[in-house]
Protein backbone atom coordinates (compact mmCIF):
# COMPACT_ATOMS: atom_id res chain seq x y z
CA UNK A 1 -17.69 -11.32 -13.31
CA UNK A 2 -19.79 -10.50 -10.28
CA UNK A 3 -23.13 -12.20 -9.83
CA UNK A 4 -24.55 -9.46 -7.59
CA UNK A 5 -28.02 -7.96 -7.25
CA UNK A 6 -27.41 -5.86 -10.41
CA UNK A 7 -26.56 -9.00 -12.42
CA UNK A 8 -29.85 -10.69 -11.34
CA UNK A 9 -31.96 -7.54 -11.76
CA UNK A 10 -30.72 -7.27 -15.34
CA UNK A 11 -31.68 -10.94 -15.93
CA UNK A 12 -35.19 -10.40 -14.72
CA UNK A 13 -35.68 -7.06 -16.49
CA UNK A 14 -34.47 -8.47 -19.78
CA UNK A 15 -36.38 -11.72 -19.23
CA UNK A 16 -33.16 -13.76 -19.52
CA UNK A 17 -34.49 -16.44 -17.20
CA UNK A 18 -33.74 -19.66 -18.95
CA UNK A 19 -33.87 -21.54 -15.62
CA UNK A 20 -37.45 -20.61 -15.08
CA UNK A 21 -39.65 -23.66 -15.44
CA UNK A 22 -43.02 -21.64 -15.24
CA UNK A 23 -44.17 -24.19 -12.59
CA UNK A 24 -42.84 -26.04 -9.55
CA UNK A 25 -40.11 -28.51 -10.37
CA UNK A 26 -41.50 -32.12 -10.44
CA UNK A 27 -39.06 -33.50 -7.91
CA UNK A 28 -39.96 -30.77 -5.32
CA UNK A 29 -43.65 -30.93 -6.12
CA UNK A 30 -43.65 -34.77 -5.45
CA UNK A 31 -41.60 -34.19 -2.29
CA UNK A 32 -44.04 -31.59 -1.08
CA UNK A 33 -47.00 -33.92 -1.84
CA UNK A 34 -45.82 -36.41 0.76
CA UNK A 35 -45.37 -33.88 3.53
CA UNK A 36 -48.12 -33.86 6.25
CA UNK A 37 -46.95 -31.20 8.81
CA UNK A 38 -48.44 -27.99 7.41
CA UNK A 39 -46.80 -25.95 10.15
CA UNK A 40 -43.16 -26.51 8.91
CA UNK A 41 -41.20 -23.34 8.70
CA UNK A 42 -39.96 -23.47 5.11
CA UNK A 43 -37.29 -21.31 3.42
CA UNK A 44 -36.77 -21.03 -0.28
CA UNK A 45 -33.45 -19.10 -0.92
CA UNK A 46 -32.76 -17.60 -4.31
CA UNK A 47 -36.47 -18.23 -4.86
CA UNK A 48 -36.87 -17.03 -8.46
CA UNK A 49 -40.52 -16.68 -9.37
CA UNK A 50 -41.42 -18.85 -6.43
CA UNK A 51 -43.60 -21.44 -8.11
CA UNK A 52 -42.84 -23.83 -5.29
CA UNK A 53 -44.05 -21.29 -2.81
CA UNK A 54 -47.36 -21.01 -4.68
CA UNK A 55 -47.66 -24.77 -4.59
CA UNK A 56 -46.93 -24.88 -0.84
CA UNK A 57 -49.66 -22.27 -0.33
CA UNK A 58 -52.12 -24.30 -2.31
CA UNK A 59 -51.30 -27.35 -0.18
CA UNK A 60 -52.05 -25.38 3.01
CA UNK A 61 -48.54 -24.62 4.42
CA UNK A 62 -48.55 -21.57 6.60
CA UNK A 63 -44.90 -20.53 7.27
CA UNK A 64 -43.17 -19.88 4.05
CA UNK A 65 -40.13 -17.56 3.69
CA UNK A 66 -38.68 -16.39 0.37
CA UNK A 67 -35.37 -14.62 0.00
CA UNK A 68 -33.76 -13.18 -3.16
CA UNK A 69 -31.15 -10.55 -3.89
CA UNK A 70 -32.97 -9.18 -6.98
CA UNK A 71 -35.01 -6.07 -6.00
CA UNK A 72 -36.87 -6.35 -9.34
CA UNK A 73 -37.97 -9.84 -8.54
CA UNK A 74 -38.72 -9.25 -4.89
CA UNK A 75 -41.00 -6.24 -5.79
CA UNK A 76 -42.95 -8.54 -8.11
CA UNK A 77 -43.20 -11.30 -5.47
CA UNK A 78 -44.30 -8.84 -2.71
CA UNK A 79 -47.10 -7.64 -5.02
CA UNK A 80 -48.01 -11.23 -6.02
CA UNK A 81 -48.27 -12.48 -2.38
CA UNK A 82 -49.45 -9.30 -0.66
CA UNK A 83 -52.72 -10.92 0.35
CA UNK A 84 -51.00 -14.05 1.76
CA UNK A 85 -49.66 -13.58 5.22
CA UNK A 86 -48.42 -17.21 5.11
CA UNK A 87 -45.63 -16.04 2.79
CA UNK A 88 -42.87 -13.60 3.85
CA UNK A 89 -40.79 -12.17 1.06
CA UNK A 90 -37.37 -10.80 1.93
CA UNK A 91 -35.06 -8.70 -0.20
CA UNK A 92 -31.58 -9.64 1.00
CA UNK A 93 -28.49 -11.66 0.84
CA UNK A 94 -28.91 -15.31 1.88
CA UNK A 95 -25.54 -15.29 3.58
CA UNK A 96 -26.83 -12.51 5.99
CA UNK A 97 -30.11 -14.24 6.71
CA UNK A 98 -30.84 -15.30 10.32
CA UNK A 99 -33.62 -17.55 11.48
CA UNK A 100 -34.52 -21.21 11.99
CA UNK A 101 -36.28 -23.35 9.48
CA UNK A 102 -37.57 -26.94 9.48
CA UNK A 103 -37.14 -27.30 5.69
CA UNK A 104 -35.09 -25.47 3.11
CA UNK A 105 -36.01 -26.16 -0.54
CA UNK A 106 -33.17 -25.94 -3.04
CA UNK A 107 -34.11 -25.24 -6.64
CA UNK A 108 -31.45 -23.61 -8.87
CA UNK A 109 -30.04 -21.45 -6.08
CA UNK A 110 -26.89 -23.51 -5.50
CA UNK A 111 -26.04 -23.54 -9.18
CA UNK A 112 -26.42 -19.81 -9.40
CA UNK A 113 -23.74 -19.19 -6.76
CA UNK A 114 -20.02 -19.07 -7.74
CA UNK A 115 -18.30 -22.31 -6.67
CA UNK A 116 -16.08 -20.23 -4.31
CA UNK A 117 -19.23 -19.75 -2.17
CA UNK A 118 -20.20 -23.41 -1.80
CA UNK A 119 -18.46 -23.88 1.61
CA UNK A 120 -20.20 -20.76 2.90
CA UNK A 121 -23.56 -22.11 1.43
CA UNK A 122 -23.20 -25.42 3.30
CA UNK A 123 -22.31 -23.62 6.52
CA UNK A 124 -25.14 -21.15 6.22
CA UNK A 125 -27.58 -23.95 5.53
CA UNK A 126 -26.47 -25.68 8.64
CA UNK A 127 -26.95 -22.46 10.57
CA UNK A 128 -30.47 -21.85 9.33
CA UNK A 129 -31.81 -25.34 9.84
CA UNK A 130 -33.50 -26.23 13.11
CA UNK A 131 -32.47 -29.41 14.92
CA UNK A 132 -33.34 -32.34 12.57
CA UNK A 133 -34.21 -29.80 9.86
CA UNK A 134 -33.81 -30.85 6.19
CA UNK A 135 -32.26 -29.35 3.09
CA UNK A 136 -34.11 -30.90 0.17
CA UNK A 137 -33.88 -30.22 -3.55
CA UNK A 138 -32.20 -30.73 -6.77
CA UNK A 139 -28.63 -30.09 -7.88
CA UNK A 140 -26.99 -30.34 -11.27
CA UNK A 141 -24.80 -33.35 -11.75
CA UNK A 142 -22.85 -32.12 -14.74
CA UNK A 143 -20.17 -29.59 -15.69
CA UNK A 144 -21.51 -26.69 -17.71
CA UNK A 145 -18.03 -25.34 -18.47
CA UNK A 146 -19.22 -21.76 -18.03
CA UNK A 147 -17.56 -18.79 -16.31
CA UNK A 148 -21.23 -17.83 -15.34
CA UNK A 149 -24.29 -19.48 -13.89
CA UNK A 150 -25.44 -22.23 -13.96
CA UNK A 151 -22.47 -23.88 -12.30
CA UNK A 152 -22.55 -27.60 -12.09
CA UNK A 153 -20.79 -30.25 -10.03
CA UNK A 154 -20.70 -33.92 -9.15
CA UNK A 155 -22.04 -36.22 -6.49
CA UNK A 156 -18.53 -36.78 -5.15
CA UNK A 157 -17.93 -33.05 -4.84
CA UNK A 158 -21.32 -32.56 -3.07
CA UNK A 159 -20.73 -35.46 -0.65
CA UNK A 160 -17.39 -33.98 0.33
CA UNK A 161 -19.07 -30.49 0.77
CA UNK A 162 -22.10 -31.54 2.82
CA UNK A 163 -21.00 -34.59 4.86
CA UNK A 164 -19.30 -32.42 7.54
CA UNK A 165 -22.62 -30.63 8.17
CA UNK A 166 -25.37 -33.11 7.45
CA UNK A 167 -26.59 -36.64 7.53
CA UNK A 168 -27.06 -37.65 3.90
CA UNK A 169 -30.51 -39.29 3.69
CA UNK A 170 -30.66 -39.14 -0.10
CA UNK A 171 -28.34 -38.07 -2.83
CA UNK A 172 -29.10 -39.93 -5.92
CA UNK A 173 -29.98 -39.57 -9.59
CA UNK A 174 -33.23 -37.69 -10.01
CA UNK A 175 -35.73 -40.11 -11.51
CA UNK A 176 -38.41 -37.43 -12.14
CA UNK A 177 -36.50 -34.49 -13.68
CA UNK A 178 -38.17 -32.53 -16.42
CA UNK A 179 -37.10 -33.95 -19.89
CA UNK A 180 -34.52 -31.28 -20.68
CA UNK A 181 -32.73 -31.97 -17.43
CA UNK A 182 -33.11 -35.75 -17.38
CA UNK A 183 -29.91 -37.55 -16.43
CA UNK A 184 -28.21 -34.38 -15.19
CA UNK A 185 -29.83 -33.90 -11.76
CA UNK A 186 -29.36 -35.33 -8.27
CA UNK A 187 -32.15 -35.27 -5.71
CA UNK A 188 -30.80 -34.46 -2.32
CA UNK A 189 -32.32 -34.80 1.17
CA UNK A 190 -29.90 -33.81 3.89
CA UNK A 191 -30.70 -33.74 7.60
CA UNK A 192 -29.08 -31.26 9.95
CA UNK A 193 -26.53 -32.62 12.42
CA UNK A 194 -27.15 -29.70 14.74
């Protein structure tokens, strides 16, 4: 099965969006709350309905980039954020994106990618982060046993994947997950070695 733009367009058109929390995830919201540099260049890949971007906007951040492969979703987001020049919405493939970001927020993008793409994900994150930039977010620490998203994993697997590219600041059980995900998430904070 191919998880291409058509796959994600169909999910949004049919409202098969079980991953959608309808608000920013608690771990990312609380991380954002402690940030003080409102000029950070922030990327949210595979942004979904971009609740974290709305929250960043409310907090006064001014350089927010969203990218998603679903045309259906991107059209909705472009309309939603059309009066907010602080947010750039890109229709495109994350793996083709170029740029430099101080902070990349991970929220259910990694688990939507086929595991065969994980090495390319880590490498692309390294390429997109500025010197001392951070990849921060939440990853599932469980095996879903599915041939389709979400795809899970383990802390050991993630350490092996990310250690060549990043300094691991934090990779620990997420203490503030939403109740349905409690005990199944890791909070990550990885610093670019570049």
